[in-house]
PDB file of N, CA and C in Angstrom:
ATOM      1  N   MET A   1       9.639   0.512  14.149  1.00  0.00           N
ATOM      2  CA  MET A   1       9.474   1.436  13.624  1.00  0.00           C
ATOM      3  C   MET A   1       8.684   2.386  13.566  1.00  0.00           C
ATOM      4  N   HIS A   2       8.890   3.764  13.782  1.00  0.00           N
ATOM      5  CA  HIS A   2       7.678   4.847  13.574  1.00  0.00           C
ATOM      6  C   HIS A   2       7.820   6.272  12.738  1.00  0.00           C
ATOM      7  N   GLY A   3       7.129   6.384  12.238  1.00  0.00           N
ATOM      8  CA  GLY A   3       7.385   7.334  10.740  1.00  0.00           C
ATOM      9  C   GLY A   3       6.160   8.595  10.856  1.00  0.00           C
ATOM     10  N   GLU A   4       6.268   9.733  10.792  1.00  0.00           N
ATOM     11  CA  GLU A   4       5.099  10.562  10.654  1.00  0.00           C
ATOM     12  C   GLU A   4       5.223  11.593   9.513  1.00  0.00           C
ATOM     13  N   TYR A   5       4.191  11.921   9.005  1.00  0.00           N
ATOM     14  CA  TYR A   5       4.396  12.502   7.817  1.00  0.00           C
ATOM     15  C   TYR A   5       2.879  13.409   7.953  1.00  0.00           C
ATOM     16  N   LYS A   6       2.900  14.936   8.194  1.00  0.00           N
ATOM     17  CA  LYS A   6       1.900  15.724   8.009  1.00  0.00           C
ATOM     18  C   LYS A   6       1.887  16.418   6.492  1.00  0.00           C
ATOM     19  N   MET A   7       0.864  15.935   6.095  1.00  0.00           N
ATOM     20  CA  MET A   7       0.850  15.999   4.340  1.00  0.00           C
ATOM     21  C   MET A   7       0.304  17.508   4.274  1.00  0.00           C
ATOM     22  N   PRO A   8       1.046  18.339   3.354  1.00  0.00           N
ATOM     23  CA  PRO A   8       0.774  19.841   3.066  1.00  0.00           C
ATOM     24  C   PRO A   8      -0.653  19.655   2.745  1.00  0.00           C
ATOM     25  N   GLY A   9      -1.717  20.753   3.940  1.00  0.00           N
ATOM     26  CA  GLY A   9      -2.981  21.029   3.491  1.00  0.00           C
ATOM     27  C   GLY A   9      -3.767  19.757   3.776  1.00  0.00           C
ATOM     28  N   GLY A  10      -2.994  18.964   4.519  1.00  0.00           N
ATOM     29  CA  GLY A  10      -3.752  17.468   4.792  1.00  0.00           C
ATOM     30  C   GLY A  10      -3.802  16.940   6.209  1.00  0.00           C
ATOM     31  N   LYS A  11      -3.569  16.303   6.535  1.00  0.00           N
ATOM     32  CA  LYS A  11      -3.612  15.549   7.864  1.00  0.00           C
ATOM     33  C   LYS A  11      -2.060  14.647   8.530  1.00  0.00           C
ATOM     34  N   LEU A  12      -2.064  14.292   9.498  1.00  0.00           N
ATOM     35  CA  LEU A  12      -1.328  13.467   9.682  1.00  0.00           C
ATOM     36  C   LEU A  12      -1.180  12.024   9.737  1.00  0.00           C
ATOM     37  N   VAL A  13      -0.242  11.709   8.820  1.00  0.00           N
ATOM     38  CA  VAL A  13      -0.352  10.183   8.490  1.00  0.00           C
ATOM     39  C   VAL A  13       0.795   9.766   9.238  1.00  0.00           C
ATOM     40  N   VAL A  14       0.429   8.252  10.276  1.00  0.00           N
ATOM     41  CA  VAL A  14       1.449   7.632  11.480  1.00  0.00           C
ATOM     42  C   VAL A  14       1.620   6.360  10.342  1.00  0.00           C
ATOM     43  N   ILE A  15       3.017   5.806  10.590  1.00  0.00           N
ATOM     44  CA  ILE A  15       3.177   4.692  10.138  1.00  0.00           C
ATOM     45  C   ILE A  15       4.006   3.814  11.342  1.00  0.00           C
ATOM     46  N   ASP A  16       3.339   2.659  11.634  1.00  0.00           N
ATOM     47  CA  ASP A  16       4.259   2.016  12.680  1.00  0.00           C
ATOM     48  C   ASP A  16       4.538   0.675  12.089  1.00  0.00           C
ATOM     49  N   LEU A  17       5.633   0.027  12.003  1.00  0.00           N
ATOM     50  CA  LEU A  17       6.227  -1.291  11.612  1.00  0.00           C
ATOM     51  C   LEU A  17       7.818  -1.733  11.806  1.00  0.00           C
ATOM     52  N   GLU A  18       7.694  -3.178  11.679  1.00  0.00           N
ATOM     53  CA  GLU A  18       9.008  -3.639  11.781  1.00  0.00           C
ATOM     54  C   GLU A  18       9.293  -4.284  10.458  1.00  0.00           C
ATOM     55  N   VAL A  19      11.127  -4.331  10.138  1.00  0.00           N
ATOM     56  CA  VAL A  19      11.533  -4.935   9.202  1.00  0.00           C
ATOM     57  C   VAL A  19      12.064  -5.945   9.743  1.00  0.00           C
ATOM     58  N   GLU A  20      11.990  -7.391   9.168  1.00  0.00           N
ATOM     59  CA  GLU A  20      12.464  -8.978   9.250  1.00  0.00           C
ATOM     60  C   GLU A  20      12.894  -9.108   8.209  1.00  0.00           C
ATOM     61  N   ALA A  21      13.892  -9.801   8.093  1.00  0.00           N
ATOM     62  CA  ALA A  21      14.637 -10.199   6.763  1.00  0.00           C
ATOM     63  C   ALA A  21      14.386  -9.414   5.410  1.00  0.00           C
ATOM     64  N   GLY A  22      14.429  -8.346   5.833  1.00  0.00           N
ATOM     65  CA  GLY A  22      14.624  -7.027   4.889  1.00  0.00           C
ATOM     66  C   GLY A  22      13.322  -7.037   4.170  1.00  0.00           C
ATOM     67  N   ARG A  23      12.013  -7.264   4.710  1.00  0.00           N
ATOM     68  CA  ARG A  23      11.000  -6.710   4.593  1.00  0.00           C
ATOM     69  C   ARG A  23       9.716  -6.120   5.376  1.00  0.00           C
ATOM     70  N   LEU A  24       9.161  -5.505   5.320  1.00  0.00           N
ATOM     71  CA  LEU A  24       7.966  -4.716   6.208  1.00  0.00           C
ATOM     72  C   LEU A  24       7.280  -5.727   6.806  1.00  0.00           C
ATOM     73  N   THR A  25       6.848  -5.747   8.066  1.00  0.00           N
ATOM     74  CA  THR A  25       6.064  -6.645   8.772  1.00  0.00           C
ATOM     75  C   THR A  25       5.079  -5.669   9.978  1.00  0.00           C
ATOM     76  N   ASN A  26       4.105  -6.375   9.945  1.00  0.00           N
ATOM     77  CA  ASN A  26       3.134  -5.587  11.412  1.00  0.00           C
ATOM     78  C   ASN A  26       3.109  -3.807  10.849  1.00  0.00           C
ATOM     79  N   VAL A  27       2.690  -3.925   9.221  1.00  0.00           N
ATOM     80  CA  VAL A  27       2.696  -2.545   9.229  1.00  0.00           C
ATOM     81  C   VAL A  27       0.772  -2.083  10.010  1.00  0.00           C
ATOM     82  N   GLN A  28       1.293  -0.877  10.542  1.00  0.00           N
ATOM     83  CA  GLN A  28      -0.212  -0.413  11.021  1.00  0.00           C
ATOM     84  C   GLN A  28       0.053   1.229  10.899  1.00  0.00           C
ATOM     85  N   LEU A  29      -0.745   1.572   9.963  1.00  0.00           N
ATOM     86  CA  LEU A  29      -1.280   2.845   9.365  1.00  0.00           C
ATOM     87  C   LEU A  29      -2.324   3.593  10.211  1.00  0.00           C
ATOM     88  N   SER A  30      -2.369   4.814  10.906  1.00  0.00           N
ATOM     89  CA  SER A  30      -3.139   5.621  11.154  1.00  0.00           C
ATOM     90  C   SER A  30      -2.758   7.179  11.362  1.00  0.00           C
ATOM     91  N   GLY A  31      -3.662   7.744  12.038  1.00  0.00           N
ATOM     92  CA  GLY A  31      -3.807   9.346  11.737  1.00  0.00           C
ATOM     93  C   GLY A  31      -5.022   9.963  11.875  1.00  0.00           C
ATOM     94  N   ASP A  32      -4.915  11.172  11.599  1.00  0.00           N
ATOM     95  CA  ASP A  32      -5.994  11.765  11.703  1.00  0.00           C
ATOM     96  C   ASP A  32      -6.833  12.177  10.215  1.00  0.00           C
ATOM     97  N   PHE A  33      -6.829  11.506   9.343  1.00  0.00           N
ATOM     98  CA  PHE A  33      -6.973  11.286   8.216  1.00  0.00           C
ATOM     99  C   PHE A  33      -8.242  10.334   8.049  1.00  0.00           C
ATOM    100  N   PHE A  34      -9.221  10.555   7.260  1.00  0.00           N
ATOM    101  CA  PHE A  34     -10.378   9.958   6.705  1.00  0.00           C
ATOM    102  C   PHE A  34     -10.339   8.920   5.459  1.00  0.00           C
ATOM    103  N   LEU A  35     -10.526   7.785   5.635  1.00  0.00           N
ATOM    104  CA  LEU A  35     -10.813   6.864   4.109  1.00  0.00           C
ATOM    105  C   LEU A  35     -12.274   6.466   4.048  1.00  0.00           C
ATOM    106  N   GLU A  36     -12.973   6.615   2.306  1.00  0.00           N
ATOM    107  CA  GLU A  36     -13.990   5.625   2.750  1.00  0.00           C
ATOM    108  C   GLU A  36     -14.190   4.594   0.993  1.00  0.00           C
ATOM    109  N   PRO A  37     -14.010   3.654   1.250  1.00  0.00           N
ATOM    110  CA  PRO A  37     -14.709   2.634   2.525  1.00  0.00           C
ATOM    111  C   PRO A  37     -13.505   2.341   3.647  1.00  0.00           C
ATOM    112  N   ASP A  38     -13.917   2.327   4.851  1.00  0.00           N
ATOM    113  CA  ASP A  38     -12.868   1.750   6.054  1.00  0.00           C
ATOM    114  C   ASP A  38     -11.883   0.682   5.688  1.00  0.00           C
ATOM    115  N   SER A  39     -12.178  -0.152   4.334  1.00  0.00           N
ATOM    116  CA  SER A  39     -11.541  -1.665   4.097  1.00  0.00           C
ATOM    117  C   SER A  39     -10.082  -0.642   3.477  1.00  0.00           C
ATOM    118  N   VAL A  40     -10.139   0.371   3.090  1.00  0.00           N
ATOM    119  CA  VAL A  40      -9.274   0.810   2.250  1.00  0.00           C
ATOM    120  C   VAL A  40      -8.133   0.924   3.303  1.00  0.00           C
ATOM    121  N   LEU A  41      -8.228   1.109   4.514  1.00  0.00           N
ATOM    122  CA  LEU A  41      -6.978   1.095   5.348  1.00  0.00           C
ATOM    123  C   LEU A  41      -6.341  -0.116   5.367  1.00  0.00           C
ATOM    124  N   HIS A  42      -7.314  -1.106   5.365  1.00  0.00           N
ATOM    125  CA  HIS A  42      -6.620  -2.719   5.868  1.00  0.00           C
ATOM    126  C   HIS A  42      -5.931  -2.960   4.339  1.00  0.00           C
ATOM    127  N   ALA A  43      -6.131  -2.579   3.550  1.00  0.00           N
ATOM    128  CA  ALA A  43      -5.534  -2.554   2.103  1.00  0.00           C
ATOM    129  C   ALA A  43      -4.258  -2.272   1.943  1.00  0.00           C
ATOM    130  N   ILE A  44      -4.134  -0.793   2.515  1.00  0.00           N
ATOM    131  CA  ILE A  44      -2.869  -0.366   2.502  1.00  0.00           C
ATOM    132  C   ILE A  44      -2.052  -1.328   3.491  1.00  0.00           C
ATOM    133  N   ASP A  45      -2.350  -1.443   4.794  1.00  0.00           N
ATOM    134  CA  ASP A  45      -1.598  -1.992   5.686  1.00  0.00           C
ATOM    135  C   ASP A  45      -1.472  -3.369   5.012  1.00  0.00           C
ATOM    136  N   GLY A  46      -2.134  -4.286   3.950  1.00  0.00           N
ATOM    137  CA  GLY A  46      -1.747  -5.649   3.532  1.00  0.00           C
ATOM    138  C   GLY A  46      -0.618  -5.185   2.173  1.00  0.00           C
ATOM    139  N   ALA A  47      -0.946  -4.113   1.593  1.00  0.00           N
ATOM    140  CA  ALA A  47      -0.059  -3.790   0.293  1.00  0.00           C
ATOM    141  C   ALA A  47       1.174  -3.853   0.839  1.00  0.00           C
ATOM    142  N   LEU A  48       1.718  -2.836   1.610  1.00  0.00           N
ATOM    143  CA  LEU A  48       3.138  -2.438   2.321  1.00  0.00           C
ATOM    144  C   LEU A  48       3.673  -3.561   3.386  1.00  0.00           C
ATOM    145  N   ASP A  49       2.879  -4.515   3.778  1.00  0.00           N
ATOM    146  CA  ASP A  49       3.193  -6.116   4.710  1.00  0.00           C
ATOM    147  C   ASP A  49       4.009  -6.966   3.607  1.00  0.00           C
ATOM    148  N   GLY A  50       5.211  -6.738   3.939  1.00  0.00           N
ATOM    149  CA  GLY A  50       5.892  -8.138   2.907  1.00  0.00           C
ATOM    150  C   GLY A  50       6.658  -7.434   1.697  1.00  0.00           C
ATOM    151  N   LEU A  51       6.437  -5.985   1.814  1.00  0.00           N
ATOM    152  CA  LEU A  51       7.147  -5.320   0.561  1.00  0.00           C
ATOM    153  C   LEU A  51       9.189  -5.210   1.296  1.00  0.00           C
ATOM    154  N   GLU A  52       9.728  -5.241   0.286  1.00  0.00           N
ATOM    155  CA  GLU A  52      11.065  -4.986   0.495  1.00  0.00           C
ATOM    156  C   GLU A  52      11.295  -3.791   0.944  1.00  0.00           C
ATOM    157  N   ALA A  53      11.909  -3.361   2.268  1.00  0.00           N
ATOM    158  CA  ALA A  53      12.591  -2.462   2.542  1.00  0.00           C
ATOM    159  C   ALA A  53      13.172  -1.384   2.266  1.00  0.00           C
ATOM    160  N   ASP A  54      14.065  -1.903   1.189  1.00  0.00           N
ATOM    161  CA  ASP A  54      15.120  -1.111   0.653  1.00  0.00           C
ATOM    162  C   ASP A  54      14.165  -0.352  -0.820  1.00  0.00           C
ATOM    163  N   LEU A  55      13.041  -0.574  -1.079  1.00  0.00           N
ATOM    164  CA  LEU A  55      12.155  -0.330  -2.243  1.00  0.00           C
ATOM    165  C   LEU A  55      12.171   1.294  -2.054  1.00  0.00           C
ATOM    166  N   PRO A  56      12.493   1.985  -3.484  1.00  0.00           N
ATOM    167  CA  PRO A  56      12.645   3.609  -3.367  1.00  0.00           C
ATOM    168  C   PRO A  56      11.218   3.873  -3.379  1.00  0.00           C
ATOM    169  N   GLN A  57      10.759   5.012  -2.923  1.00  0.00           N
ATOM    170  CA  GLN A  57       9.788   5.517  -2.580  1.00  0.00           C
ATOM    171  C   GLN A  57       8.551   5.537  -3.545  1.00  0.00           C
ATOM    172  N   ALA A  58       9.111   5.663  -4.607  1.00  0.00           N
ATOM    173  CA  ALA A  58       8.234   5.503  -5.801  1.00  0.00           C
ATOM    174  C   ALA A  58       7.847   4.156  -6.122  1.00  0.00           C
ATOM    175  N   ALA A  59       8.421   3.165  -5.795  1.00  0.00           N
ATOM    176  CA  ALA A  59       7.742   1.704  -5.982  1.00  0.00           C
ATOM    177  C   ALA A  59       6.781   1.569  -4.610  1.00  0.00           C
ATOM    178  N   THR A  60       7.090   2.262  -3.331  1.00  0.00           N
ATOM    179  CA  THR A  60       5.921   1.675  -2.778  1.00  0.00           C
ATOM    180  C   THR A  60       4.889   2.796  -2.603  1.00  0.00           C
ATOM    181  N   THR A  61       4.680   4.041  -3.360  1.00  0.00           N
ATOM    182  CA  THR A  61       3.662   4.972  -3.685  1.00  0.00           C
ATOM    183  C   THR A  61       3.005   3.834  -4.403  1.00  0.00           C
ATOM    184  N   ARG A  62       3.481   3.260  -5.716  1.00  0.00           N
ATOM    185  CA  ARG A  62       2.619   2.672  -6.690  1.00  0.00           C
ATOM    186  C   ARG A  62       1.861   1.471  -6.278  1.00  0.00           C
ATOM    187  N   ALA A  63       2.802   0.564  -5.140  1.00  0.00           N
ATOM    188  CA  ALA A  63       1.886  -0.326  -4.359  1.00  0.00           C
ATOM    189  C   ALA A  63       1.135  -0.275  -3.727  1.00  0.00           C
ATOM    190  N   ILE A  64       1.088   1.092  -3.353  1.00  0.00           N
ATOM    191  CA  ILE A  64      -0.016   1.745  -2.321  1.00  0.00           C
ATOM    192  C   ILE A  64      -1.230   1.998  -2.983  1.00  0.00           C
ATOM    193  N   GLU A  65      -1.067   2.615  -4.265  1.00  0.00           N
ATOM    194  CA  GLU A  65      -1.843   2.871  -5.523  1.00  0.00           C
ATOM    195  C   GLU A  65      -2.573   1.964  -6.277  1.00  0.00           C
ATOM    196  N   ALA A  66      -1.958   1.029  -6.064  1.00  0.00           N
ATOM    197  CA  ALA A  66      -2.655  -0.305  -6.792  1.00  0.00           C
ATOM    198  C   ALA A  66      -3.752  -1.163  -5.746  1.00  0.00           C
ATOM    199  N   VAL A  67      -3.893  -0.706  -4.961  1.00  0.00           N
ATOM    200  CA  VAL A  67      -4.854  -1.479  -3.938  1.00  0.00           C
ATOM    201  C   VAL A  67      -6.058  -0.156  -3.678  1.00  0.00           C
ATOM    202  N   ILE A  68      -5.862   0.960  -4.100  1.00  0.00           N
ATOM    203  CA  ILE A  68      -6.916   1.662  -3.584  1.00  0.00           C
ATOM    204  C   ILE A  68      -8.001   1.886  -4.620  1.00  0.00           C
ATOM    205  N   PRO A  69      -9.553   1.451  -4.399  1.00  0.00           N
ATOM    206  CA  PRO A  69     -10.292   1.059  -5.575  1.00  0.00           C
ATOM    207  C   PRO A  69     -10.637   2.767  -6.101  1.00  0.00           C
ATOM    208  N   ASP A  70     -10.536   3.117  -7.482  1.00  0.00           N
ATOM    209  CA  ASP A  70     -11.109   4.036  -7.990  1.00  0.00           C
ATOM    210  C   ASP A  70     -12.250   4.798  -7.310  1.00  0.00           C
ATOM    211  N   THR A  71     -13.090   4.124  -6.531  1.00  0.00           N
ATOM    212  CA  THR A  71     -14.108   4.650  -6.035  1.00  0.00           C
ATOM    213  C   THR A  71     -13.763   5.230  -4.798  1.00  0.00           C
ATOM    214  N   ALA A  72     -12.710   4.872  -4.134  1.00  0.00           N
ATOM    215  CA  ALA A  72     -12.751   5.170  -2.610  1.00  0.00           C
ATOM    216  C   ALA A  72     -12.048   6.489  -2.515  1.00  0.00           C
ATOM    217  N   MET A  73     -12.470   7.385  -0.985  1.00  0.00           N
ATOM    218  CA  MET A  73     -12.373   8.601  -1.057  1.00  0.00           C
ATOM    219  C   MET A  73     -10.979   8.657   0.028  1.00  0.00           C
ATOM    220  N   LEU A  74     -10.358   9.318  -0.173  1.00  0.00           N
ATOM    221  CA  LEU A  74      -9.301   9.795   0.796  1.00  0.00           C
ATOM    222  C   LEU A  74      -9.546  10.966   0.868  1.00  0.00           C
ATOM    223  N   TYR A  75      -9.512  11.476   2.416  1.00  0.00           N
ATOM    224  CA  TYR A  75      -9.103  13.336   2.889  1.00  0.00           C
ATOM    225  C   TYR A  75      -8.192  13.356   3.747  1.00  0.00           C
ATOM    226  N   GLY A  76      -7.328  14.290   3.200  1.00  0.00           N
ATOM    227  CA  GLY A  76      -5.813  14.286   4.012  1.00  0.00           C
ATOM    228  C   GLY A  76      -5.207  13.377   3.967  1.00  0.00           C
ATOM    229  N   ILE A  77      -5.019  12.568   3.353  1.00  0.00           N
ATOM    230  CA  ILE A  77      -4.093  11.391   2.665  1.00  0.00           C
ATOM    231  C   ILE A  77      -3.899  11.368   1.317  1.00  0.00           C
ATOM    232  N   SER A  78      -2.602  10.803   0.955  1.00  0.00           N
ATOM    233  CA  SER A  78      -2.740  10.313  -0.201  1.00  0.00           C
ATOM    234  C   SER A  78      -1.642   9.027  -0.341  1.00  0.00           C
ATOM    235  N   PRO A  79      -1.429   8.096  -1.326  1.00  0.00           N
ATOM    236  CA  PRO A  79      -0.403   7.304  -1.715  1.00  0.00           C
ATOM    237  C   PRO A  79       1.091   7.941  -1.113  1.00  0.00           C
ATOM    238  N   GLU A  80       1.360   9.287  -1.701  1.00  0.00           N
ATOM    239  CA  GLU A  80       2.576   9.810  -1.523  1.00  0.00           C
ATOM    240  C   GLU A  80       3.025  10.045   0.043  1.00  0.00           C
ATOM    241  N   ALA A  81       2.111  10.243   0.501  1.00  0.00           N
ATOM    242  CA  ALA A  81       2.041  10.820   2.206  1.00  0.00           C
ATOM    243  C   ALA A  81       2.289   9.679   3.309  1.00  0.00           C
ATOM    244  N   VAL A  82       1.739   8.364   2.767  1.00  0.00           N
ATOM    245  CA  VAL A  82       1.932   7.101   3.538  1.00  0.00           C
ATOM    246  C   VAL A  82       2.974   6.818   3.289  1.00  0.00           C
ATOM    247  N   SER A  83       3.702   6.850   1.340  1.00  0.00           N
ATOM    248  CA  SER A  83       4.972   6.051   1.432  1.00  0.00           C
ATOM    249  C   SER A  83       5.964   7.023   2.202  1.00  0.00           C
ATOM    250  N   THR A  84       6.120   8.728   2.383  1.00  0.00           N
ATOM    251  CA  THR A  84       6.686   9.523   3.162  1.00  0.00           C
ATOM    252  C   THR A  84       6.835   8.926   4.459  1.00  0.00           C
ATOM    253  N   ALA A  85       5.986   8.862   5.197  1.00  0.00           N
ATOM    254  CA  ALA A  85       5.873   8.212   6.440  1.00  0.00           C
ATOM    255  C   ALA A  85       6.420   6.621   6.869  1.00  0.00           C
ATOM    256  N   VAL A  86       6.521   5.945   5.457  1.00  0.00           N
ATOM    257  CA  VAL A  86       7.366   4.918   5.497  1.00  0.00           C
ATOM    258  C   VAL A  86       8.549   4.968   5.645  1.00  0.00           C
ATOM    259  N   GLN A  87       9.074   5.902   4.610  1.00  0.00           N
ATOM    260  CA  GLN A  87      10.578   6.241   4.289  1.00  0.00           C
ATOM    261  C   GLN A  87      11.022   6.935   5.934  1.00  0.00           C
ATOM    262  N   ARG A  88      10.304   7.413   6.352  1.00  0.00           N
ATOM    263  CA  ARG A  88      10.535   8.108   7.797  1.00  0.00           C
ATOM    264  C   ARG A  88      10.638   7.049   8.734  1.00  0.00           C
ATOM    265  N   ALA A  89       9.878   6.337   8.938  1.00  0.00           N
ATOM    266  CA  ALA A  89       9.897   5.267  10.005  1.00  0.00           C
ATOM    267  C   ALA A  89      11.232   4.510   9.536  1.00  0.00           C
ATOM    268  N   LEU A  90      11.698   4.166   8.645  1.00  0.00           N
ATOM    269  CA  LEU A  90      12.895   3.423   8.315  1.00  0.00           C
ATOM    270  C   LEU A  90      13.973   3.961   8.367  1.00  0.00           C
ATOM    271  N   HIS A  91      14.036   5.466   8.165  1.00  0.00           N
ATOM    272  CA  HIS A  91      15.209   6.296   8.380  1.00  0.00           C
ATOM    273  C   HIS A  91      15.329   6.497   9.548  1.00  0.00           C
ATOM    274  N   GLY A  92      14.675   6.540  10.987  1.00  0.00           N
ATOM    275  CA  GLY A  92      14.450   7.239  12.141  1.00  0.00           C
ATOM    276  C   GLY A  92      14.025   8.816  12.162  1.00  0.00           C
ATOM    277  N   GLU A  93      13.359   9.174  11.017  1.00  0.00           N
ATOM    278  CA  GLU A  93      12.778  10.687  11.068  1.00  0.00           C
ATOM    279  C   GLU A  93      11.372  10.159  11.754  1.00  0.00           C
ATOM    280  N   HIS A  94      11.103  10.726  12.930  1.00  0.00           N
ATOM    281  CA  HIS A  94       9.985  10.423  13.647  1.00  0.00           C
ATOM    282  C   HIS A  94       8.968  11.746  13.513  1.00  0.00           C
ATOM    283  N   LYS A  95       9.692  13.481  13.409  1.00  0.00           N
ATOM    284  CA  LYS A  95       8.678  14.396  13.231  1.00  0.00           C
ATOM    285  C   LYS A  95       7.855  14.438  12.264  1.00  0.00           C
ATOM    286  N   ALA A  96       6.769  15.113  12.563  1.00  0.00           N
ATOM    287  CA  ALA A  96       5.615  15.297  11.257  1.00  0.00           C
ATOM    288  C   ALA A  96       5.798  16.086  10.694  1.00  0.00           C
TER     289      ALA A  96
END
């Protein structure tokens, strides 16, 4: 499944994922945003991998926020933008 979201005033956020047994798997976040340190990207993928596919968007956002260190710098992306892309992937909305 594939979802995209262009954050207002930000960059394109892209999520590719699969759903197995009601849970997100093989989650890959990409786009034209920047994260520092780079390890935050893998942390977000890991936070999403295994989540229940039917979680409310707010719960998905909280799961992402929980793995982003206070010292991280996010440019053109937010936890809300990532969870919106996840929702679009799950519901077949592909457009940015």
